[in-house]
């Protein structure tokens, strides 16, 4: 079994990032807030694990099922 090498060009790499960023920008504000709170929770947990004082995440209820 031979494995094919896959070369990722800069154009392909930046093109896929552009698609992801465009999709994120077009997302509804509710989804953006949920992602932000998820990142805040992750950051807070990491800060606590390393013994640093971190900010507490916003108390926002999730609207996703």
N, C-alpha and C. Protein backbone atom coordinates (compact mmCIF):
# COMPACT_ATOMS: atom_id res chain seq x y z
N UNK A 1 0.84 -1.17 0.00
CA UNK A 1 0.00 0.00 0.00
C UNK A 1 0.88 1.23 0.00
N UNK A 2 0.70 2.07 -1.00
CA UNK A 2 1.50 3.29 -1.11
C UNK A 2 0.66 4.48 -0.66
N UNK A 3 1.32 5.38 0.04
CA UNK A 3 0.60 6.60 0.44
C UNK A 3 1.00 7.72 -0.50
N UNK A 4 0.03 8.46 -0.92
CA UNK A 4 0.29 9.59 -1.80
C UNK A 4 0.63 10.81 -0.95
N UNK A 5 1.62 11.55 -1.40
CA UNK A 5 1.94 12.78 -0.68
C UNK A 5 0.97 13.86 -1.14
N UNK A 6 0.55 14.64 -0.21
CA UNK A 6 -0.43 15.69 -0.49
C UNK A 6 0.22 17.02 -0.18
N UNK A 7 0.33 17.85 -1.19
CA UNK A 7 0.95 19.16 -1.01
C UNK A 7 -0.14 20.21 -0.90
N UNK A 8 -0.07 20.98 0.15
CA UNK A 8 -1.03 22.06 0.36
C UNK A 8 -0.36 23.36 -0.04
N UNK A 9 -0.89 23.98 -1.07
CA UNK A 9 -0.33 25.26 -1.50
C UNK A 9 -0.84 26.38 -0.61
N UNK A 10 -0.17 27.48 -0.63
CA UNK A 10 -0.61 28.63 0.17
C UNK A 10 -1.99 29.11 -0.27
N UNK A 11 -2.24 29.08 -1.56
CA UNK A 11 -3.54 29.52 -2.06
C UNK A 11 -4.65 28.64 -1.50
N UNK A 12 -4.42 27.32 -1.48
CA UNK A 12 -5.42 26.40 -0.93
C UNK A 12 -5.60 26.61 0.57
N UNK A 13 -4.49 26.80 1.26
CA UNK A 13 -4.57 26.98 2.71
C UNK A 13 -5.32 28.26 3.06
N UNK A 14 -4.97 29.35 2.43
CA UNK A 14 -5.63 30.62 2.73
C UNK A 14 -7.05 30.65 2.19
N UNK A 15 -7.31 29.94 1.11
CA UNK A 15 -8.66 29.87 0.57
C UNK A 15 -9.61 29.18 1.53
N UNK A 16 -9.15 28.10 2.15
CA UNK A 16 -10.02 27.40 3.10
C UNK A 16 -10.25 28.24 4.36
N UNK A 17 -9.23 28.98 4.78
CA UNK A 17 -9.41 29.87 5.93
C UNK A 17 -10.41 30.97 5.61
N UNK A 18 -10.36 31.47 4.38
CA UNK A 18 -11.29 32.52 3.97
C UNK A 18 -12.73 32.02 4.01
N UNK A 19 -12.95 30.79 3.55
CA UNK A 19 -14.30 30.19 3.56
C UNK A 19 -14.80 30.05 5.00
N UNK A 20 -13.94 29.59 5.89
CA UNK A 20 -14.33 29.41 7.29
C UNK A 20 -14.64 30.76 7.93
N UNK A 21 -13.81 31.76 7.68
CA UNK A 21 -14.05 33.08 8.26
C UNK A 21 -15.32 33.72 7.72
N UNK A 22 -15.59 33.52 6.43
CA UNK A 22 -16.81 34.07 5.83
C UNK A 22 -18.04 33.42 6.46
N UNK A 23 -17.98 32.10 6.64
CA UNK A 23 -19.11 31.40 7.26
C UNK A 23 -19.32 31.87 8.69
N UNK A 24 -18.24 32.09 9.43
CA UNK A 24 -18.35 32.57 10.80
C UNK A 24 -18.92 33.98 10.84
N UNK A 25 -18.53 34.81 9.90
CA UNK A 25 -19.03 36.18 9.86
C UNK A 25 -20.52 36.23 9.52
N UNK A 26 -20.99 35.28 8.74
CA UNK A 26 -22.39 35.27 8.33
C UNK A 26 -23.29 34.55 9.33
N UNK A 27 -22.72 33.96 10.36
CA UNK A 27 -23.51 33.24 11.36
C UNK A 27 -24.35 34.23 12.17
N UNK A 28 -25.50 33.78 12.67
CA UNK A 28 -26.33 34.64 13.49
C UNK A 28 -25.62 35.02 14.79
N UNK A 29 -26.01 36.14 15.36
CA UNK A 29 -25.36 36.65 16.57
C UNK A 29 -25.46 35.66 17.73
N UNK A 30 -26.54 34.89 17.77
CA UNK A 30 -26.71 33.92 18.85
C UNK A 30 -25.60 32.86 18.81
N UNK A 31 -25.29 32.39 17.60
CA UNK A 31 -24.22 31.39 17.46
C UNK A 31 -22.87 31.99 17.83
N UNK A 32 -22.66 33.24 17.45
CA UNK A 32 -21.40 33.90 17.78
C UNK A 32 -21.23 34.03 19.29
N UNK A 33 -22.32 34.39 19.98
CA UNK A 33 -22.25 34.50 21.44
C UNK A 33 -22.00 33.16 22.09
N UNK A 34 -22.64 32.10 21.59
CA UNK A 34 -22.41 30.77 22.14
C UNK A 34 -20.95 30.36 21.99
N UNK A 35 -20.36 30.63 20.82
CA UNK A 35 -18.95 30.30 20.59
C UNK A 35 -18.06 31.11 21.54
N UNK A 36 -18.40 32.39 21.73
CA UNK A 36 -17.62 33.24 22.61
C UNK A 36 -17.65 32.72 24.05
N UNK A 37 -18.82 32.33 24.52
CA UNK A 37 -18.95 31.82 25.89
C UNK A 37 -18.21 30.49 26.03
N UNK A 38 -18.24 29.65 24.99
CA UNK A 38 -17.49 28.39 25.02
C UNK A 38 -16.00 28.67 25.17
N UNK A 39 -15.50 29.64 24.41
CA UNK A 39 -14.08 30.00 24.51
C UNK A 39 -13.75 30.59 25.87
N UNK A 40 -14.67 31.38 26.44
CA UNK A 40 -14.45 31.94 27.78
C UNK A 40 -14.36 30.82 28.82
N UNK A 41 -15.24 29.82 28.70
CA UNK A 41 -15.23 28.70 29.65
C UNK A 41 -13.92 27.93 29.54
N UNK A 42 -13.48 27.67 28.32
CA UNK A 42 -12.24 26.96 28.10
C UNK A 42 -11.05 27.74 28.67
N UNK A 43 -11.03 29.03 28.42
CA UNK A 43 -9.96 29.88 28.93
C UNK A 43 -9.94 29.90 30.45
N UNK A 44 -11.11 29.98 31.05
CA UNK A 44 -11.22 30.00 32.50
C UNK A 44 -10.72 28.70 33.11
N UNK A 45 -11.11 27.57 32.50
CA UNK A 45 -10.67 26.26 33.00
C UNK A 45 -9.16 26.11 32.89
N UNK A 46 -8.60 26.54 31.78
CA UNK A 46 -7.14 26.45 31.60
C UNK A 46 -6.41 27.32 32.61
N UNK A 47 -6.94 28.51 32.86
CA UNK A 47 -6.31 29.40 33.83
C UNK A 47 -6.33 28.78 35.22
N UNK A 48 -7.44 28.18 35.60
CA UNK A 48 -7.55 27.53 36.91
C UNK A 48 -6.59 26.35 37.02
N UNK A 49 -6.46 25.58 35.96
CA UNK A 49 -5.57 24.42 35.99
C UNK A 49 -4.11 24.82 36.12
N UNK A 50 -3.76 25.97 35.61
CA UNK A 50 -2.37 26.42 35.69
C UNK A 50 -2.12 27.32 36.89
N UNK A 51 -3.15 27.51 37.72
CA UNK A 51 -2.98 28.30 38.94
C UNK A 51 -3.06 29.80 38.74
N UNK A 52 -3.56 30.22 37.58
CA UNK A 52 -3.71 31.66 37.33
C UNK A 52 -5.14 32.08 37.60
N UNK A 53 -5.30 33.36 37.85
CA UNK A 53 -6.64 33.89 38.05
C UNK A 53 -7.21 34.26 36.68
N UNK A 54 -8.31 33.65 36.33
CA UNK A 54 -8.95 33.94 35.05
C UNK A 54 -10.29 34.61 35.26
N UNK A 55 -10.75 35.25 34.20
CA UNK A 55 -12.06 35.88 34.26
C UNK A 55 -13.14 34.81 34.20
N UNK A 56 -14.24 35.06 34.87
CA UNK A 56 -15.35 34.11 34.82
C UNK A 56 -16.14 34.32 33.54
N UNK A 57 -16.60 33.23 32.94
CA UNK A 57 -17.38 33.35 31.70
C UNK A 57 -18.70 34.08 31.94
N UNK A 58 -19.22 34.68 30.90
CA UNK A 58 -20.50 35.36 30.98
C UNK A 58 -21.59 34.35 31.31
N UNK A 59 -22.54 34.72 32.16
CA UNK A 59 -23.64 33.79 32.48
C UNK A 59 -24.74 33.85 31.41
N UNK A 60 -24.47 33.22 30.27
CA UNK A 60 -25.42 33.22 29.16
C UNK A 60 -25.95 31.81 28.98
N UNK A 61 -27.26 31.71 28.86
CA UNK A 61 -27.87 30.39 28.65
C UNK A 61 -27.72 29.98 27.19
N UNK A 62 -27.50 28.72 26.97
CA UNK A 62 -27.35 28.18 25.63
C UNK A 62 -28.73 28.05 24.99
N UNK A 63 -28.84 28.41 23.71
CA UNK A 63 -30.11 28.30 23.01
C UNK A 63 -30.15 27.08 22.12
N UNK A 64 -29.00 26.40 21.96
CA UNK A 64 -28.98 25.21 21.10
C UNK A 64 -29.60 24.03 21.84
N UNK A 65 -30.23 23.12 21.07
CA UNK A 65 -30.89 21.96 21.72
C UNK A 65 -29.92 20.97 22.29
